């Protein structure tokens, strides 16, 4: 029973549920014509299992760091052995592949691709400044492409995927700024730790500018209705401008944490705008 509890905890159940819901939302946003409810469910489930497998292998590679910084986690506490964690990762990986076959061959290839990228991220990529941030943001956007594929309309998922990628890329850099002291103690070479806050802020300004410009095009090209445009122009873009201004006014850990949460909220608002503007 204790082992079962440890396996559930290492899955990160809340993150699993969030990933499941994100992909379901991606499917709903992309629906055009007939679709299979079963395929939508399997898309959410396989995406969630893939993300959970990524969490397990990340804990596997981080065991030594977690012994110092997160001793309360399952592996440092010894509630699961490294061999058991690796076996559980392989199990989750194989189950996600198997279930993706019921969606399509493309789904199988996409799950394999995402799984491979998550493995490489945990093993090596996350230690590379900016590239690790980009991979996390890319996988968030890729979840929308995966959802679009499940309802045979990946094209409709491109805009929400790009929006999710860019806003999460900004958030990843903000989170690195927030965690800079802890990262230095752990020997993690994040971009803000190597190049400083000033350069990190300039990258955020650039990405935010690109994101704001891109939000206008779907309405101009008549891809989304007026509801989308109103929400984006009244809430999403002004909030992005506020976040950048606040970042330059106050880069304390407390404010960075607040801005990180605002970025998460703004992504939800942006996706709502896309849904209402369909």
C-alpha atoms as a PDB file:
ATOM      1  CA  UNK A   1       0.000   0.000   0.000  1.00  0.00           C
ATOM      2  CA  UNK A   2       2.892   2.338   0.830  1.00  0.00           C
ATOM      3  CA  UNK A   3       4.479   1.623  -2.562  1.00  0.00           C
ATOM      4  CA  UNK A   4       1.207   2.380  -4.340  1.00  0.00           C
ATOM      5  CA  UNK A   5       0.944   5.696  -2.505  1.00  0.00           C
ATOM      6  CA  UNK A   6       4.538   6.545  -3.482  1.00  0.00           C
ATOM      7  CA  UNK A   7       3.827   5.719  -7.149  1.00  0.00           C
ATOM      8  CA  UNK A   8       0.782   8.010  -7.136  1.00  0.00           C
ATOM      9  CA  UNK A   9       2.702  10.874  -5.518  1.00  0.00           C
ATOM     10  CA  UNK A  10       5.651  10.653  -7.931  1.00  0.00           C
ATOM     11  CA  UNK A  11       3.141  10.945 -10.796  1.00  0.00           C
ATOM     12  CA  UNK A  12       2.276  14.496  -9.582  1.00  0.00           C
ATOM     13  CA  UNK A  13      -1.531  13.876  -9.696  1.00  0.00           C
ATOM     14  CA  UNK A  14      -2.425  17.579  -9.881  1.00  0.00           C
ATOM     15  CA  UNK A  15      -0.051  18.162 -12.806  1.00  0.00           C
ATOM     16  CA  UNK A  16      -1.430  15.023 -14.448  1.00  0.00           C
ATOM     17  CA  UNK A  17      -4.970  16.400 -14.174  1.00  0.00           C
ATOM     18  CA  UNK A  18      -3.908  19.826 -15.493  1.00  0.00           C
ATOM     19  CA  UNK A  19      -2.217  18.253 -18.535  1.00  0.00           C
ATOM     20  CA  UNK A  20      -5.305  16.121 -19.175  1.00  0.00           C
ATOM     21  CA  UNK A  21      -7.567  19.193 -19.053  1.00  0.00           C
ATOM     22  CA  UNK A  22      -5.230  21.317 -21.215  1.00  0.00           C
ATOM     23  CA  UNK A  23      -5.338  18.726 -23.998  1.00  0.00           C
ATOM     24  CA  UNK A  24      -9.124  18.377 -23.691  1.00  0.00           C
ATOM     25  CA  UNK A  25      -9.380  22.178 -24.040  1.00  0.00           C
ATOM     26  CA  UNK A  26      -7.039  21.996 -27.056  1.00  0.00           C
ATOM     27  CA  UNK A  27      -9.380  19.442 -28.633  1.00  0.00           C
ATOM     28  CA  UNK A  28     -12.452  21.608 -27.949  1.00  0.00           C
ATOM     29  CA  UNK A  29     -10.793  24.705 -29.433  1.00  0.00           C
ATOM     30  CA  UNK A  30      -9.852  22.748 -32.568  1.00  0.00           C
ATOM     31  CA  UNK A  31     -13.129  20.885 -33.190  1.00  0.00           C
ATOM     32  CA  UNK A  32     -14.588  21.448 -36.636  1.00  0.00           C
ATOM     33  CA  UNK A  33     -17.158  18.956 -37.829  1.00  0.00           C
ATOM     34  CA  UNK A  34     -17.400  15.340 -36.653  1.00  0.00           C
ATOM     35  CA  UNK A  35     -15.055  14.042 -33.980  1.00  0.00           C
ATOM     36  CA  UNK A  36     -14.633  11.022 -31.699  1.00  0.00           C
ATOM     37  CA  UNK A  37     -15.228  11.556 -27.968  1.00  0.00           C
ATOM     38  CA  UNK A  38     -13.148   8.436 -27.300  1.00  0.00           C
ATOM     39  CA  UNK A  39     -10.188   9.854 -29.224  1.00  0.00           C
ATOM     40  CA  UNK A  40     -10.448  13.124 -27.300  1.00  0.00           C
ATOM     41  CA  UNK A  41     -10.392  11.167 -24.018  1.00  0.00           C
ATOM     42  CA  UNK A  42      -7.414   9.073 -25.131  1.00  0.00           C
ATOM     43  CA  UNK A  43      -5.581  12.221 -26.235  1.00  0.00           C
ATOM     44  CA  UNK A  44      -5.993  13.735 -22.772  1.00  0.00           C
ATOM     45  CA  UNK A  45      -5.035  10.477 -21.051  1.00  0.00           C
ATOM     46  CA  UNK A  46      -1.951   9.729 -23.175  1.00  0.00           C
ATOM     47  CA  UNK A  47      -0.760  13.327 -22.896  1.00  0.00           C
ATOM     48  CA  UNK A  48      -1.153  13.214 -19.112  1.00  0.00           C
ATOM     49  CA  UNK A  49       0.670   9.880 -18.855  1.00  0.00           C
ATOM     50  CA  UNK A  50       3.490  11.174 -21.062  1.00  0.00           C
ATOM     51  CA  UNK A  51       3.897  14.252 -18.850  1.00  0.00           C
ATOM     52  CA  UNK A  52       3.817  12.075 -15.720  1.00  0.00           C
ATOM     53  CA  UNK A  53       6.483   9.795 -17.165  1.00  0.00           C
ATOM     54  CA  UNK A  54       8.542  12.953 -17.734  1.00  0.00           C
ATOM     55  CA  UNK A  55       8.139  13.865 -14.042  1.00  0.00           C
ATOM     56  CA  UNK A  56       9.308  10.406 -12.958  1.00  0.00           C
ATOM     57  CA  UNK A  57      12.429  10.392 -15.146  1.00  0.00           C
ATOM     58  CA  UNK A  58      13.203  13.952 -14.061  1.00  0.00           C
ATOM     59  CA  UNK A  59      13.125  12.848 -10.403  1.00  0.00           C
ATOM     60  CA  UNK A  60      15.302   9.873 -11.358  1.00  0.00           C
ATOM     61  CA  UNK A  61      18.046  12.088 -12.790  1.00  0.00           C
ATOM     62  CA  UNK A  62      17.676  14.702 -10.021  1.00  0.00           C
ATOM     63  CA  UNK A  63      18.058  12.263  -7.130  1.00  0.00           C
ATOM     64  CA  UNK A  64      21.351  13.703  -5.838  1.00  0.00           C
ATOM     65  CA  UNK A  65      20.178  17.333  -6.019  1.00  0.00           C
ATOM     66  CA  UNK A  66      16.848  16.432  -4.411  1.00  0.00           C
ATOM     67  CA  UNK A  67      18.610  14.733  -1.499  1.00  0.00           C
ATOM     68  CA  UNK A  68      19.880  18.208  -0.583  1.00  0.00           C
ATOM     69  CA  UNK A  69      17.137  20.555  -1.772  1.00  0.00           C
ATOM     70  CA  UNK A  70      13.959  18.429  -1.752  1.00  0.00           C
ATOM     71  CA  UNK A  71      14.563  15.617   0.759  1.00  0.00           C
ATOM     72  CA  UNK A  72      10.785  15.243   1.236  1.00  0.00           C
ATOM     73  CA  UNK A  73      10.355  13.809  -2.271  1.00  0.00           C
ATOM     74  CA  UNK A  74       9.692  10.129  -2.860  1.00  0.00           C
ATOM     75  CA  UNK A  75      13.135   9.044  -4.122  1.00  0.00           C
ATOM     76  CA  UNK A  76      15.281  10.910  -1.548  1.00  0.00           C
ATOM     77  CA  UNK A  77      13.061   9.509   1.228  1.00  0.00           C
ATOM     78  CA  UNK A  78      13.692   6.014  -0.107  1.00  0.00           C
ATOM     79  CA  UNK A  79       9.993   5.213  -0.552  1.00  0.00           C
ATOM     80  CA  UNK A  80      10.863   4.041  -4.071  1.00  0.00           C
ATOM     81  CA  UNK A  81      14.212   2.730  -5.273  1.00  0.00           C
ATOM     82  CA  UNK A  82      15.847   4.119  -8.414  1.00  0.00           C
ATOM     83  CA  UNK A  83      15.223   0.760 -10.091  1.00  0.00           C
ATOM     84  CA  UNK A  84      11.507   0.924  -9.213  1.00  0.00           C
ATOM     85  CA  UNK A  85      11.268   4.526 -10.455  1.00  0.00           C
ATOM     86  CA  UNK A  86      12.949   3.617 -13.748  1.00  0.00           C
ATOM     87  CA  UNK A  87      10.644   0.611 -14.152  1.00  0.00           C
ATOM     88  CA  UNK A  88       7.602   2.815 -13.485  1.00  0.00           C
ATOM     89  CA  UNK A  89       8.839   5.339 -16.062  1.00  0.00           C
ATOM     90  CA  UNK A  90       9.172   2.598 -18.689  1.00  0.00           C
ATOM     91  CA  UNK A  91       5.684   1.323 -17.796  1.00  0.00           C
ATOM     92  CA  UNK A  92       4.118   4.798 -18.197  1.00  0.00           C
ATOM     93  CA  UNK A  93       6.006   5.356 -21.460  1.00  0.00           C
ATOM     94  CA  UNK A  94       4.828   2.043 -22.949  1.00  0.00           C
ATOM     95  CA  UNK A  95       1.206   2.512 -21.797  1.00  0.00           C
ATOM     96  CA  UNK A  96       1.055   6.005 -23.320  1.00  0.00           C
ATOM     97  CA  UNK A  97       2.417   4.642 -26.601  1.00  0.00           C
ATOM     98  CA  UNK A  98      -0.016   1.732 -26.584  1.00  0.00           C
ATOM     99  CA  UNK A  99      -3.068   3.894 -25.907  1.00  0.00           C
ATOM    100  CA  UNK A 100      -2.038   6.461 -28.526  1.00  0.00           C
ATOM    101  CA  UNK A 101      -2.423   3.770 -31.196  1.00  0.00           C
ATOM    102  CA  UNK A 102      -6.201   3.966 -30.619  1.00  0.00           C
ATOM    103  CA  UNK A 103      -6.061   7.605 -31.778  1.00  0.00           C
ATOM    104  CA  UNK A 104      -3.874   7.314 -34.873  1.00  0.00           C
ATOM    105  CA  UNK A 105      -0.388   6.522 -36.139  1.00  0.00           C
ATOM    106  CA  UNK A 106       0.416  10.244 -36.039  1.00  0.00           C
ATOM    107  CA  UNK A 107      -0.593  10.287 -32.360  1.00  0.00           C
ATOM    108  CA  UNK A 108       1.805   7.413 -31.707  1.00  0.00           C
ATOM    109  CA  UNK A 109       4.659   9.321 -33.370  1.00  0.00           C
ATOM    110  CA  UNK A 110       3.813  12.524 -31.489  1.00  0.00           C
ATOM    111  CA  UNK A 111       3.747  10.736 -28.112  1.00  0.00           C
ATOM    112  CA  UNK A 112       7.090   9.111 -28.904  1.00  0.00           C
ATOM    113  CA  UNK A 113       8.538  12.487 -29.925  1.00  0.00           C
ATOM    114  CA  UNK A 114       7.296  14.222 -26.762  1.00  0.00           C
ATOM    115  CA  UNK A 115       8.548  11.351 -24.579  1.00  0.00           C
ATOM    116  CA  UNK A 116      11.989  11.450 -26.185  1.00  0.00           C
ATOM    117  CA  UNK A 117      12.185  15.221 -25.750  1.00  0.00           C
ATOM    118  CA  UNK A 118      11.167  14.954 -22.073  1.00  0.00           C
ATOM    119  CA  UNK A 119      13.835  12.307 -21.503  1.00  0.00           C
ATOM    120  CA  UNK A 120      16.520  14.430 -23.184  1.00  0.00           C
ATOM    121  CA  UNK A 121      15.353  17.471 -21.225  1.00  0.00           C
ATOM    122  CA  UNK A 122      15.727  15.653 -17.902  1.00  0.00           C
ATOM    123  CA  UNK A 123      19.049  14.079 -18.879  1.00  0.00           C
ATOM    124  CA  UNK A 124      20.843  17.054 -20.415  1.00  0.00           C
ATOM    125  CA  UNK A 125      18.844  19.899 -22.000  1.00  0.00           C
ATOM    126  CA  UNK A 126      17.538  21.522 -18.807  1.00  0.00           C
ATOM    127  CA  UNK A 127      21.128  22.367 -17.872  1.00  0.00           C
ATOM    128  CA  UNK A 128      21.532  24.463 -21.043  1.00  0.00           C
ATOM    129  CA  UNK A 129      20.483  28.129 -20.497  1.00  0.00           C
ATOM    130  CA  UNK A 130      17.400  29.237 -22.486  1.00  0.00           C
ATOM    131  CA  UNK A 131      17.245  25.966 -24.449  1.00  0.00           C
ATOM    132  CA  UNK A 132      15.815  24.196 -21.403  1.00  0.00           C
ATOM    133  CA  UNK A 133      13.299  27.029 -20.958  1.00  0.00           C
ATOM    134  CA  UNK A 134      12.324  26.822 -24.610  1.00  0.00           C
ATOM    135  CA  UNK A 135      11.809  23.057 -24.512  1.00  0.00           C
ATOM    136  CA  UNK A 136       9.391  23.354 -21.572  1.00  0.00           C
ATOM    137  CA  UNK A 137       7.495  26.131 -23.382  1.00  0.00           C
ATOM    138  CA  UNK A 138       7.542  24.168 -26.645  1.00  0.00           C
ATOM    139  CA  UNK A 139       6.041  21.086 -25.003  1.00  0.00           C
ATOM    140  CA  UNK A 140       3.241  23.236 -23.546  1.00  0.00           C
ATOM    141  CA  UNK A 141       2.452  24.506 -27.037  1.00  0.00           C
ATOM    142  CA  UNK A 142       2.850  21.021 -28.495  1.00  0.00           C
ATOM    143  CA  UNK A 143       0.050  19.791 -26.215  1.00  0.00           C
ATOM    144  CA  UNK A 144      -2.348  21.965 -28.256  1.00  0.00           C
ATOM    145  CA  UNK A 145      -1.068  20.535 -31.544  1.00  0.00           C
ATOM    146  CA  UNK A 146      -1.613  17.059 -30.095  1.00  0.00           C
ATOM    147  CA  UNK A 147      -5.171  17.975 -29.093  1.00  0.00           C
ATOM    148  CA  UNK A 148      -5.867  19.391 -32.548  1.00  0.00           C
ATOM    149  CA  UNK A 149      -4.576  16.210 -34.124  1.00  0.00           C
ATOM    150  CA  UNK A 150      -7.003  14.120 -32.051  1.00  0.00           C
ATOM    151  CA  UNK A 151      -9.959  15.889 -33.700  1.00  0.00           C
ATOM    152  CA  UNK A 152      -8.304  15.894 -37.145  1.00  0.00           C
ATOM    153  CA  UNK A 153      -7.739  19.647 -37.160  1.00  0.00           C
ATOM    154  CA  UNK A 154      -4.146  20.384 -36.135  1.00  0.00           C
ATOM    155  CA  UNK A 155      -4.190  23.544 -38.247  1.00  0.00           C
ATOM    156  CA  UNK A 156      -6.708  25.162 -35.859  1.00  0.00           C
ATOM    157  CA  UNK A 157      -4.362  24.449 -32.948  1.00  0.00           C
ATOM    158  CA  UNK A 158      -1.377  26.356 -34.367  1.00  0.00           C
ATOM    159  CA  UNK A 159      -2.397  29.789 -33.019  1.00  0.00           C
ATOM    160  CA  UNK A 160      -3.204  28.643 -29.445  1.00  0.00           C
ATOM    161  CA  UNK A 161      -0.036  26.517 -29.512  1.00  0.00           C
ATOM    162  CA  UNK A 162       2.105  29.497 -30.509  1.00  0.00           C
ATOM    163  CA  UNK A 163       0.422  31.682 -27.895  1.00  0.00           C
ATOM    164  CA  UNK A 164       1.018  29.050 -25.178  1.00  0.00           C
ATOM    165  CA  UNK A 165       4.642  28.579 -26.277  1.00  0.00           C
ATOM    166  CA  UNK A 166       5.539  32.275 -26.185  1.00  0.00           C
ATOM    167  CA  UNK A 167       3.779  33.154 -22.932  1.00  0.00           C
ATOM    168  CA  UNK A 168       5.280  30.091 -21.226  1.00  0.00           C
ATOM    169  CA  UNK A 169       8.733  30.950 -22.561  1.00  0.00           C
ATOM    170  CA  UNK A 170       8.387  34.353 -20.870  1.00  0.00           C
ATOM    171  CA  UNK A 171       7.189  32.666 -17.680  1.00  0.00           C
ATOM    172  CA  UNK A 172      10.099  30.205 -17.682  1.00  0.00           C
ATOM    173  CA  UNK A 173      12.608  33.073 -17.759  1.00  0.00           C
ATOM    174  CA  UNK A 174      10.715  34.918 -14.997  1.00  0.00           C
ATOM    175  CA  UNK A 175      10.780  31.716 -12.901  1.00  0.00           C
ATOM    176  CA  UNK A 176      14.556  31.423 -13.451  1.00  0.00           C
ATOM    177  CA  UNK A 177      14.920  34.991 -12.196  1.00  0.00           C
ATOM    178  CA  UNK A 178      12.812  34.099  -9.177  1.00  0.00           C
ATOM    179  CA  UNK A 179      14.893  30.974  -8.436  1.00  0.00           C
ATOM    180  CA  UNK A 180      18.303  32.526  -9.120  1.00  0.00           C
ATOM    181  CA  UNK A 181      19.699  32.207  -5.590  1.00  0.00           C
ATOM    182  CA  UNK A 182      18.661  28.588  -5.214  1.00  0.00           C
ATOM    183  CA  UNK A 183      19.954  27.758  -8.695  1.00  0.00           C
ATOM    184  CA  UNK A 184      23.354  29.264  -7.883  1.00  0.00           C
ATOM    185  CA  UNK A 185      23.603  27.131  -4.734  1.00  0.00           C
ATOM    186  CA  UNK A 186      22.739  24.048  -6.809  1.00  0.00           C
ATOM    187  CA  UNK A 187      25.194  24.983  -9.553  1.00  0.00           C
ATOM    188  CA  UNK A 188      22.406  25.367 -12.131  1.00  0.00           C
ATOM    189  CA  UNK A 189      23.462  27.747 -14.886  1.00  0.00           C
ATOM    190  CA  UNK A 190      20.213  29.487 -15.791  1.00  0.00           C
ATOM    191  CA  UNK A 191      20.328  32.410 -18.205  1.00  0.00           C
ATOM    192  CA  UNK A 192      19.691  35.078 -15.522  1.00  0.00           C
ATOM    193  CA  UNK A 193      22.404  33.513 -13.341  1.00  0.00           C
ATOM    194  CA  UNK A 194      24.967  33.658 -16.157  1.00  0.00           C
ATOM    195  CA  UNK A 195      24.019  36.851 -18.004  1.00  0.00           C
ATOM    196  CA  UNK A 196      22.221  38.823 -15.310  1.00  0.00           C
ATOM    197  CA  UNK A 197      18.732  40.234 -14.891  1.00  0.00           C
ATOM    198  CA  UNK A 198      19.213  43.076 -17.388  1.00  0.00           C
ATOM    199  CA  UNK A 199      19.756  40.768 -20.373  1.00  0.00           C
ATOM    200  CA  UNK A 200      17.022  38.408 -19.172  1.00  0.00           C
ATOM    201  CA  UNK A 201      14.592  41.332 -19.041  1.00  0.00           C
ATOM    202  CA  UNK A 202      15.512  42.399 -22.577  1.00  0.00           C
ATOM    203  CA  UNK A 203      14.723  38.919 -23.883  1.00  0.00           C
ATOM    204  CA  UNK A 204      11.367  39.072 -22.081  1.00  0.00           C
ATOM    205  CA  UNK A 205      10.658  42.481 -23.669  1.00  0.00           C
ATOM    206  CA  UNK A 206      11.461  41.095 -27.133  1.00  0.00           C
ATOM    207  CA  UNK A 207       9.302  37.955 -26.744  1.00  0.00           C
ATOM    208  CA  UNK A 208       6.449  40.011 -25.271  1.00  0.00           C
ATOM    209  CA  UNK A 209       6.611  42.437 -28.198  1.00  0.00           C
ATOM    210  CA  UNK A 210       6.469  39.564 -30.691  1.00  0.00           C
ATOM    211  CA  UNK A 211       3.564  38.005 -28.791  1.00  0.00           C
ATOM    212  CA  UNK A 212       1.545  41.247 -28.713  1.00  0.00           C
ATOM    213  CA  UNK A 213       2.057  41.783 -32.452  1.00  0.00           C
ATOM    214  CA  UNK A 214       1.059  38.200 -33.252  1.00  0.00           C
ATOM    215  CA  UNK A 215      -2.176  38.438 -31.240  1.00  0.00           C
ATOM    216  CA  UNK A 216      -3.534  40.982 -33.724  1.00  0.00           C
ATOM    217  CA  UNK A 217      -3.107  38.859 -36.869  1.00  0.00           C
ATOM    218  CA  UNK A 218      -5.841  36.237 -36.225  1.00  0.00           C
ATOM    219  CA  UNK A 219      -8.473  38.988 -36.066  1.00  0.00           C
ATOM    220  CA  UNK A 220      -7.094  40.918 -39.064  1.00  0.00           C
ATOM    221  CA  UNK A 221      -7.114  37.701 -41.099  1.00  0.00           C
ATOM    222  CA  UNK A 222     -10.671  36.941 -39.905  1.00  0.00           C
ATOM    223  CA  UNK A 223      -9.667  33.696 -38.192  1.00  0.00           C
ATOM    224  CA  UNK A 224     -11.344  34.753 -34.949  1.00  0.00           C
ATOM    225  CA  UNK A 225     -14.374  36.926 -34.234  1.00  0.00           C
ATOM    226  CA  UNK A 226     -14.682  40.256 -32.423  1.00  0.00           C
ATOM    227  CA  UNK A 227     -14.982  38.552 -29.001  1.00  0.00           C
ATOM    228  CA  UNK A 228     -11.377  37.391 -29.355  1.00  0.00           C
ATOM    229  CA  UNK A 229     -10.147  40.834 -30.344  1.00  0.00           C
ATOM    230  CA  UNK A 230     -11.899  42.616 -27.463  1.00  0.00           C
ATOM    231  CA  UNK A 231     -10.556  40.259 -24.775  1.00  0.00           C
ATOM    232  CA  UNK A 232      -7.027  40.340 -26.219  1.00  0.00           C
ATOM    233  CA  UNK A 233      -6.913  44.125 -26.577  1.00  0.00           C
ATOM    234  CA  UNK A 234      -8.683  44.948 -23.288  1.00  0.00           C
ATOM    235  CA  UNK A 235      -7.175  42.301 -20.988  1.00  0.00           C
ATOM    236  CA  UNK A 236      -4.419  40.083 -22.437  1.00  0.00           C
ATOM    237  CA  UNK A 237      -2.124  42.651 -24.065  1.00  0.00           C
ATOM    238  CA  UNK A 238      -2.506  45.348 -21.363  1.00  0.00           C
ATOM    239  CA  UNK A 239      -1.678  42.689 -18.766  1.00  0.00           C
ATOM    240  CA  UNK A 240       1.441  41.725 -20.722  1.00  0.00           C
ATOM    241  CA  UNK A 241       2.511  45.390 -20.795  1.00  0.00           C
ATOM    242  CA  UNK A 242       1.841  45.665 -17.045  1.00  0.00           C
ATOM    243  CA  UNK A 243       3.940  42.544 -16.371  1.00  0.00           C
ATOM    244  CA  UNK A 244       6.917  43.954 -18.308  1.00  0.00           C
ATOM    245  CA  UNK A 245       6.634  47.341 -16.570  1.00  0.00           C
ATOM    246  CA  UNK A 246       6.364  45.702 -13.157  1.00  0.00           C
ATOM    247  CA  UNK A 247       9.378  43.532 -13.962  1.00  0.00           C
ATOM    248  CA  UNK A 248      11.512  46.637 -14.521  1.00  0.00           C
ATOM    249  CA  UNK A 249      10.085  48.423 -11.470  1.00  0.00           C
ATOM    250  CA  UNK A 250      10.562  45.555  -9.024  1.00  0.00           C
ATOM    251  CA  UNK A 251      12.565  42.391  -9.595  1.00  0.00           C
ATOM    252  CA  UNK A 252      12.268  41.117  -6.020  1.00  0.00           C
ATOM    253  CA  UNK A 253      11.532  37.421  -5.523  1.00  0.00           C
ATOM    254  CA  UNK A 254       8.059  38.235  -4.202  1.00  0.00           C
ATOM    255  CA  UNK A 255       7.132  40.307  -7.267  1.00  0.00           C
ATOM    256  CA  UNK A 256       8.636  37.782  -9.674  1.00  0.00           C
ATOM    257  CA  UNK A 257       6.449  35.091  -8.110  1.00  0.00           C
ATOM    258  CA  UNK A 258       3.403  37.341  -8.570  1.00  0.00           C
ATOM    259  CA  UNK A 259       4.302  38.002 -12.217  1.00  0.00           C
ATOM    260  CA  UNK A 260       4.787  34.278 -12.856  1.00  0.00           C
ATOM    261  CA  UNK A 261       1.264  33.621 -11.568  1.00  0.00           C
ATOM    262  CA  UNK A 262      -0.112  36.523 -13.640  1.00  0.00           C
ATOM    263  CA  UNK A 263       1.436  35.029 -16.767  1.00  0.00           C
ATOM    264  CA  UNK A 264      -0.261  31.712 -16.001  1.00  0.00           C
ATOM    265  CA  UNK A 265      -3.579  33.528 -15.529  1.00  0.00           C
ATOM    266  CA  UNK A 266      -3.055  35.507 -18.735  1.00  0.00           C
ATOM    267  CA  UNK A 267      -2.565  32.295 -20.693  1.00  0.00           C
ATOM    268  CA  UNK A 268      -5.939  31.062 -19.441  1.00  0.00           C
ATOM    269  CA  UNK A 269      -7.555  34.381 -20.413  1.00  0.00           C
ATOM    270  CA  UNK A 270      -5.933  34.223 -23.854  1.00  0.00           C
ATOM    271  CA  UNK A 271      -7.163  30.694 -24.472  1.00  0.00           C
ATOM    272  CA  UNK A 272     -10.643  31.762 -23.352  1.00  0.00           C
ATOM    273  CA  UNK A 273     -10.486  34.580 -25.930  1.00  0.00           C
ATOM    274  CA  UNK A 274      -9.583  32.071 -28.635  1.00  0.00           C
ATOM    275  CA  UNK A 275     -12.439  29.768 -27.573  1.00  0.00           C
ATOM    276  CA  UNK A 276     -15.017  32.572 -27.558  1.00  0.00           C
ATOM    277  CA  UNK A 277     -13.720  33.989 -30.821  1.00  0.00           C
ATOM    278  CA  UNK A 278     -13.973  30.757 -32.796  1.00  0.00           C
END
